[in-house]
C-alpha atoms as a PDB file:
ATOM      1  CA  MET A   1     -25.947  15.445   9.946  1.00  0.00           C
ATOM      2  CA  VAL A   2     -24.598  12.085   8.739  1.00  0.00           C
ATOM      3  CA  ARG A   3     -24.578  10.745  12.297  1.00  0.00           C
ATOM      4  CA  PHE A   4     -28.225  11.812  12.733  1.00  0.00           C
ATOM      5  CA  ALA A   5     -29.188  10.078   9.467  1.00  0.00           C
ATOM      6  CA  VAL A   6     -27.439   6.856  10.520  1.00  0.00           C
ATOM      7  CA  ARG A   7     -29.140   6.878  13.912  1.00  0.00           C
ATOM      8  CA  ALA A   8     -32.521   7.534  12.308  1.00  0.00           C
ATOM      9  CA  ALA A   9     -31.960   4.638   9.885  1.00  0.00           C
ATOM     10  CA  VAL A  10     -31.011   2.308  12.762  1.00  0.00           C
ATOM     11  CA  ALA A  11     -34.122   3.312  14.733  1.00  0.00           C
ATOM     12  CA  ALA A  12     -36.345   2.839  11.669  1.00  0.00           C
ATOM     13  CA  ALA A  13     -34.803  -0.558  10.881  1.00  0.00           C
ATOM     14  CA  ALA A  14     -35.278  -1.751  14.457  1.00  0.00           C
ATOM     15  CA  GLY A  15     -38.893  -0.549  14.398  1.00  0.00           C
ATOM     16  CA  VAL A  16     -39.659  -2.261  11.071  1.00  0.00           C
ATOM     17  CA  MET A  17     -38.133  -5.532  12.302  1.00  0.00           C
ATOM     18  CA  ALA A  18     -40.144  -5.432  15.532  1.00  0.00           C
ATOM     19  CA  ALA A  19     -43.322  -4.620  13.580  1.00  0.00           C
ATOM     20  CA  GLY A  20     -42.647  -7.533  11.251  1.00  0.00           C
ATOM     21  CA  PHE A  21     -42.120  -9.984  14.132  1.00  0.00           C
ATOM     22  CA  LEU A  22     -44.861  -8.669  16.420  1.00  0.00           C
ATOM     23  CA  ASN A  23     -47.138  -5.746  15.398  1.00  0.00           C
ATOM     24  CA  TRP A  24     -46.990  -2.051  14.555  1.00  0.00           C
ATOM     25  CA  ARG A  25     -47.232  -0.981  18.223  1.00  0.00           C
ATOM     26  CA  ALA A  26     -44.179  -3.055  19.100  1.00  0.00           C
ATOM     27  CA  GLY A  27     -42.405  -1.527  16.114  1.00  0.00           C
ATOM     28  CA  LEU A  28     -43.109   2.009  17.362  1.00  0.00           C
ATOM     29  CA  LEU A  29     -42.018   1.069  20.881  1.00  0.00           C
ATOM     30  CA  VAL A  30     -38.711  -0.437  19.724  1.00  0.00           C
ATOM     31  CA  ALA A  31     -37.977   2.508  17.407  1.00  0.00           C
ATOM     32  CA  GLY A  32     -38.696   4.926  20.272  1.00  0.00           C
ATOM     33  CA  LEU A  33     -36.444   2.993  22.659  1.00  0.00           C
ATOM     34  CA  VAL A  34     -33.617   3.025  20.110  1.00  0.00           C
ATOM     35  CA  VAL A  35     -33.956   6.803  19.728  1.00  0.00           C
ATOM     36  CA  VAL A  36     -33.969   7.300  23.512  1.00  0.00           C
ATOM     37  CA  SER A  37     -30.906   5.082  23.938  1.00  0.00           C
ATOM     38  CA  HIS A  38     -29.040   7.075  21.261  1.00  0.00           C
ATOM     39  CA  LEU A  39     -29.920  10.316  23.046  1.00  0.00           C
ATOM     40  CA  LEU A  40     -28.892   9.005  26.470  1.00  0.00           C
ATOM     41  CA  LEU A  41     -25.640   7.462  25.292  1.00  0.00           C
ATOM     42  CA  GLY A  42     -24.789  10.422  23.096  1.00  0.00           C
ATOM     43  CA  GLY A  43     -25.269  12.861  25.966  1.00  0.00           C
ATOM     44  CA  SER A  44     -23.343  10.827  28.514  1.00  0.00           C
ATOM     45  CA  ALA A  45     -20.503   9.634  26.268  1.00  0.00           C
ATOM     46  CA  ALA A  46     -18.344  12.614  27.167  1.00  0.00           C
ATOM     47  CA  HIS A  47     -18.658  11.703  30.861  1.00  0.00           C
ATOM     48  CA  LEU A  48     -17.837   8.006  30.513  1.00  0.00           C
ATOM     49  CA  PRO A  49     -14.183   7.248  31.279  1.00  0.00           C
ATOM     50  CA  ALA A  50     -12.356   5.771  28.312  1.00  0.00           C
ATOM     51  CA  PRO A  51     -10.659   2.453  29.016  1.00  0.00           C
ATOM     52  CA  TRP A  52      -6.953   2.733  29.686  1.00  0.00           C
ATOM     53  CA  GLY A  53      -5.035   1.140  26.860  1.00  0.00           C
ATOM     54  CA  ARG A  54      -1.821   1.233  24.914  1.00  0.00           C
ATOM     55  CA  GLY A  55      -2.466   4.522  23.094  1.00  0.00           C
ATOM     56  CA  ARG A  56      -3.313   6.459  26.224  1.00  0.00           C
ATOM     57  CA  LEU A  57      -0.342   4.964  28.093  1.00  0.00           C
ATOM     58  CA  LEU A  58       2.120   5.861  25.340  1.00  0.00           C
ATOM     59  CA  ARG A  59       0.748   9.399  24.978  1.00  0.00           C
ATOM     60  CA  ALA A  60       0.964   9.978  28.747  1.00  0.00           C
ATOM     61  CA  LEU A  61       4.597   8.840  28.813  1.00  0.00           C
ATOM     62  CA  GLN A  62       5.477  11.004  25.813  1.00  0.00           C
ATOM     63  CA  ARG A  63       4.042  14.027  27.637  1.00  0.00           C
ATOM     64  CA  HIS A  64       6.518  13.269  30.454  1.00  0.00           C
ATOM     65  CA  GLY A  65       9.576  13.352  28.209  1.00  0.00           C
ATOM     66  CA  TYR A  66       9.713   9.748  26.974  1.00  0.00           C
ATOM     67  CA  ARG A  67      10.633   9.075  23.352  1.00  0.00           C
ATOM     68  CA  LEU A  68       9.273   6.152  21.406  1.00  0.00           C
ATOM     69  CA  ALA A  69      10.800   3.603  19.050  1.00  0.00           C
ATOM     70  CA  ALA A  70       8.687   0.699  17.747  1.00  0.00           C
ATOM     71  CA  ASP A  71      10.114  -2.687  16.886  1.00  0.00           C
ATOM     72  CA  PRO A  72       8.862  -4.977  14.084  1.00  0.00           C
ATOM     73  CA  ALA A  73       7.298  -7.368  16.616  1.00  0.00           C
ATOM     74  CA  GLY A  74       4.842  -4.702  17.780  1.00  0.00           C
ATOM     75  CA  ARG A  75       6.696  -3.813  20.974  1.00  0.00           C
ATOM     76  CA  HIS A  76       7.720  -0.300  21.969  1.00  0.00           C
ATOM     77  CA  VAL A  77      11.010   0.969  23.339  1.00  0.00           C
ATOM     78  CA  LEU A  78      10.511   3.996  25.563  1.00  0.00           C
ATOM     79  CA  ILE A  79      13.506   6.058  26.581  1.00  0.00           C
ATOM     80  CA  GLY A  80      13.137   8.960  28.956  1.00  0.00           C
ATOM     81  CA  PRO A  81      14.245  10.526  32.204  1.00  0.00           C
ATOM     82  CA  GLY A  82      13.729   7.296  34.167  1.00  0.00           C
ATOM     83  CA  GLY A  83      15.707   5.088  31.769  1.00  0.00           C
ATOM     84  CA  ALA A  84      14.772   2.631  29.028  1.00  0.00           C
ATOM     85  CA  PHE A  85      11.805   0.259  28.915  1.00  0.00           C
ATOM     86  CA  LEU A  86      10.666  -2.354  26.400  1.00  0.00           C
ATOM     87  CA  LEU A  87       6.876  -2.560  26.435  1.00  0.00           C
ATOM     88  CA  GLU A  88       4.953  -5.597  25.261  1.00  0.00           C
ATOM     89  CA  SER A  89       1.890  -3.414  25.001  1.00  0.00           C
ATOM     90  CA  ARG A  90      -0.781  -5.429  23.188  1.00  0.00           C
ATOM     91  CA  ALA A  91      -2.808  -5.585  26.398  1.00  0.00           C
ATOM     92  CA  ALA A  92      -5.759  -7.486  24.897  1.00  0.00           C
ATOM     93  CA  ARG A  93      -3.420 -10.381  24.074  1.00  0.00           C
ATOM     94  CA  ASN A  94      -1.762 -10.256  27.490  1.00  0.00           C
ATOM     95  CA  ALA A  95      -4.619 -11.321  29.751  1.00  0.00           C
ATOM     96  CA  VAL A  96      -3.068 -12.822  32.881  1.00  0.00           C
ATOM     97  CA  SER A  97      -4.741 -15.859  34.399  1.00  0.00           C
ATOM     98  CA  ARG A  98      -3.996 -18.566  36.914  1.00  0.00           C
ATOM     99  CA  ALA A  99      -4.121 -22.073  35.480  1.00  0.00           C
ATOM    100  CA  GLU A 100      -3.413 -25.541  36.818  1.00  0.00           C
ATOM    101  CA  GLY A 101       0.202 -25.448  35.673  1.00  0.00           C
ATOM    102  CA  GLY A 102       0.849 -21.907  36.942  1.00  0.00           C
ATOM    103  CA  TRP A 103       0.403 -18.404  35.598  1.00  0.00           C
ATOM    104  CA  ARG A 104      -0.461 -17.824  31.952  1.00  0.00           C
ATOM    105  CA  ILE A 105      -0.262 -14.698  29.817  1.00  0.00           C
ATOM    106  CA  GLY A 106      -2.696 -15.013  26.968  1.00  0.00           C
ATOM    107  CA  ASP A 107      -2.599 -18.664  25.919  1.00  0.00           C
ATOM    108  CA  ARG A 108       1.071 -19.225  26.868  1.00  0.00           C
ATOM    109  CA  PRO A 109       2.859 -20.044  30.118  1.00  0.00           C
ATOM    110  CA  ALA A 110       3.980 -16.809  31.780  1.00  0.00           C
ATOM    111  CA  GLU A 111       7.608 -18.003  31.970  1.00  0.00           C
ATOM    112  CA  ARG A 112       7.793 -18.340  28.193  1.00  0.00           C
ATOM    113  CA  VAL A 113       6.352 -14.856  27.574  1.00  0.00           C
ATOM    114  CA  VAL A 114       8.686 -13.332  30.191  1.00  0.00           C
ATOM    115  CA  ASP A 115      11.734 -15.124  28.739  1.00  0.00           C
ATOM    116  CA  ARG A 116      10.867 -13.887  25.237  1.00  0.00           C
ATOM    117  CA  ILE A 117      10.506 -10.230  26.234  1.00  0.00           C
ATOM    118  CA  ALA A 118      13.594 -10.407  28.482  1.00  0.00           C
ATOM    119  CA  ALA A 119      15.641 -11.699  25.519  1.00  0.00           C
ATOM    120  CA  ALA A 120      14.294  -8.888  23.322  1.00  0.00           C
ATOM    121  CA  ALA A 121      15.150  -6.327  26.027  1.00  0.00           C
ATOM    122  CA  ALA A 122      18.700  -7.714  26.235  1.00  0.00           C
ATOM    123  CA  ARG A 123      19.109  -7.267  22.457  1.00  0.00           C
ATOM    124  CA  VAL A 124      17.937  -3.642  22.651  1.00  0.00           C
ATOM    125  CA  GLU A 125      20.209  -3.086  25.646  1.00  0.00           C
ATOM    126  CA  ARG A 126      23.255  -4.328  23.710  1.00  0.00           C
ATOM    127  CA  ALA A 127      22.436  -2.019  20.790  1.00  0.00           C
ATOM    128  CA  LEU A 128      22.030   0.970  23.108  1.00  0.00           C
ATOM    129  CA  ALA A 129      25.232   0.094  24.982  1.00  0.00           C
ATOM    130  CA  ARG A 130      27.290   0.368  21.770  1.00  0.00           C
ATOM    131  CA  THR A 131      25.961   3.865  21.105  1.00  0.00           C
ATOM    132  CA  ALA A 132      26.343   4.870  24.754  1.00  0.00           C
ATOM    133  CA  ARG A 133      30.000   3.753  24.863  1.00  0.00           C
ATOM    134  CA  ALA A 134      30.793   5.496  21.574  1.00  0.00           C
ATOM    135  CA  ARG A 135      29.313   8.806  22.783  1.00  0.00           C
ATOM    136  CA  GLY A 136      30.300   8.626  26.429  1.00  0.00           C
ATOM    137  CA  LEU A 137      26.687   8.270  27.575  1.00  0.00           C
ATOM    138  CA  PRO A 138      25.434   6.170  30.479  1.00  0.00           C
ATOM    139  CA  GLU A 139      24.633   2.616  29.386  1.00  0.00           C
ATOM    140  CA  PRO A 140      20.930   2.118  30.137  1.00  0.00           C
ATOM    141  CA  VAL A 141      19.418  -1.046  31.552  1.00  0.00           C
ATOM    142  CA  VAL A 142      16.344  -1.893  29.459  1.00  0.00           C
ATOM    143  CA  VAL A 143      13.495  -3.026  31.710  1.00  0.00           C
ATOM    144  CA  PRO A 144      11.033  -5.406  30.000  1.00  0.00           C
ATOM    145  CA  VAL A 145       7.406  -4.505  30.800  1.00  0.00           C
ATOM    146  CA  ILE A 146       4.353  -6.574  29.890  1.00  0.00           C
ATOM    147  CA  VAL A 147       1.212  -4.438  29.778  1.00  0.00           C
ATOM    148  CA  ALA A 148      -1.532  -6.824  30.876  1.00  0.00           C
ATOM    149  CA  SER A 149      -5.305  -6.828  30.927  1.00  0.00           C
ATOM    150  CA  GLY A 150      -7.635  -8.309  33.503  1.00  0.00           C
ATOM    151  CA  ARG A 151      -7.160  -8.603  37.237  1.00  0.00           C
ATOM    152  CA  LEU A 152      -3.734  -9.073  38.753  1.00  0.00           C
ATOM    153  CA  PRO A 153      -2.957 -10.225  42.291  1.00  0.00           C
ATOM    154  CA  GLU A 154      -0.721  -7.150  42.742  1.00  0.00           C
ATOM    155  CA  PRO A 155      -0.703  -3.795  40.908  1.00  0.00           C
ATOM    156  CA  VAL A 156       2.843  -4.485  39.668  1.00  0.00           C
ATOM    157  CA  MET A 157       4.031  -8.076  39.423  1.00  0.00           C
ATOM    158  CA  ARG A 158       7.689  -8.926  38.961  1.00  0.00           C
ATOM    159  CA  ALA A 159       8.841 -11.998  37.087  1.00  0.00           C
ATOM    160  CA  ASP A 160      12.624 -12.297  36.944  1.00  0.00           C
ATOM    161  CA  ARG A 161      13.713  -8.909  35.560  1.00  0.00           C
ATOM    162  CA  ALA A 162      10.373  -8.255  33.834  1.00  0.00           C
ATOM    163  CA  VAL A 163       7.436  -6.260  35.161  1.00  0.00           C
ATOM    164  CA  ILE A 164       3.788  -7.220  34.543  1.00  0.00           C
ATOM    165  CA  ALA A 165       1.108  -4.598  35.183  1.00  0.00           C
ATOM    166  CA  ARG A 166      -2.041  -2.985  33.826  1.00  0.00           C
ATOM    167  CA  PRO A 167      -1.625   0.276  31.853  1.00  0.00           C
ATOM    168  CA  ARG A 168      -2.248   2.722  34.733  1.00  0.00           C
ATOM    169  CA  ALA A 169       0.124   0.808  37.016  1.00  0.00           C
ATOM    170  CA  VAL A 170       2.752   0.737  34.246  1.00  0.00           C
ATOM    171  CA  LEU A 171       2.462   4.516  33.959  1.00  0.00           C
ATOM    172  CA  ARG A 172       2.969   4.981  37.705  1.00  0.00           C
ATOM    173  CA  PHE A 173       5.835   2.457  37.750  1.00  0.00           C
ATOM    174  CA  ILE A 174       7.742   4.242  34.977  1.00  0.00           C
ATOM    175  CA  LEU A 175       7.072   7.780  36.183  1.00  0.00           C
ATOM    176  CA  ASP A 176       8.203   6.853  39.720  1.00  0.00           C
ATOM    177  CA  ARG A 177      11.686   5.851  38.475  1.00  0.00           C
ATOM    178  CA  PRO A 178      14.450   8.237  39.541  1.00  0.00           C
ATOM    179  CA  GLU A 179      15.790  10.491  36.802  1.00  0.00           C
ATOM    180  CA  VAL A 180      18.909   8.982  35.237  1.00  0.00           C
ATOM    181  CA  LEU A 181      18.992  10.501  31.735  1.00  0.00           C
ATOM    182  CA  ALA A 182      19.187  14.122  30.601  1.00  0.00           C
ATOM    183  CA  PRO A 183      17.113  15.237  27.577  1.00  0.00           C
ATOM    184  CA  ALA A 184      20.127  15.183  25.219  1.00  0.00           C
ATOM    185  CA  GLU A 185      20.964  11.634  26.342  1.00  0.00           C
ATOM    186  CA  VAL A 186      17.343  10.591  25.799  1.00  0.00           C
ATOM    187  CA  ASP A 187      17.432  11.940  22.231  1.00  0.00           C
ATOM    188  CA  ALA A 188      20.744  10.229  21.385  1.00  0.00           C
ATOM    189  CA  LEU A 189      19.673   6.863  22.789  1.00  0.00           C
ATOM    190  CA  THR A 190      16.263   7.073  21.105  1.00  0.00           C
ATOM    191  CA  ALA A 191      17.934   7.670  17.735  1.00  0.00           C
ATOM    192  CA  ALA A 192      20.131   4.635  18.385  1.00  0.00           C
ATOM    193  CA  ALA A 193      17.097   2.518  19.318  1.00  0.00           C
ATOM    194  CA  ARG A 194      15.246   3.567  16.150  1.00  0.00           C
ATOM    195  CA  ARG A 195      18.241   2.613  14.012  1.00  0.00           C
ATOM    196  CA  ALA A 196      18.619  -0.730  15.814  1.00  0.00           C
ATOM    197  CA  LEU A 197      14.917  -1.575  15.467  1.00  0.00           C
ATOM    198  CA  ALA A 198      14.479  -0.422  11.870  1.00  0.00           C
ATOM    199  CA  PRO A 199      13.435  -3.296   9.568  1.00  0.00           C
ATOM    200  CA  ARG A 200      16.302  -4.605   7.465  1.00  0.00           C
END
């Protein structure tokens, strides 16, 4: 009921504005077009594919047995059957483009962004290695992944040890990894990652 009232108010406002600028016939026409557009968009919204983004990517990985730990910088550590991954997942800020001086991610040179996430992945890897050694677990290699937006020359780009890809390609890349961790190992390493990343 509230949604209907809001849509009616929008249609009425558009009609009044058009009538004020032109005449009453234009006002009726604009109000009618607004109502029709609401009806068309409302009916087809369920059939429009939602854009793939961070939330959908993380939920899909969690359904496949990956556990999540967030770090204070807005990254996500995912630990699951295929190993450990550090996701720089703010895709809107990670638009990849080709510039005169080389590749850029957002407004920064790609090398700088890759170096920063690789250093963060190495820190997480060291923290997980301590827990793994203490409990006799396999020491995971943390793969840094930059979730990008926009077009890429390849579905999955590699830069040093980092991976750059759009959300769907990231999902396929991670799910295609061979299984290296059992569920109990995933839980133990995730707890260690959450402790290591907790704000101090």
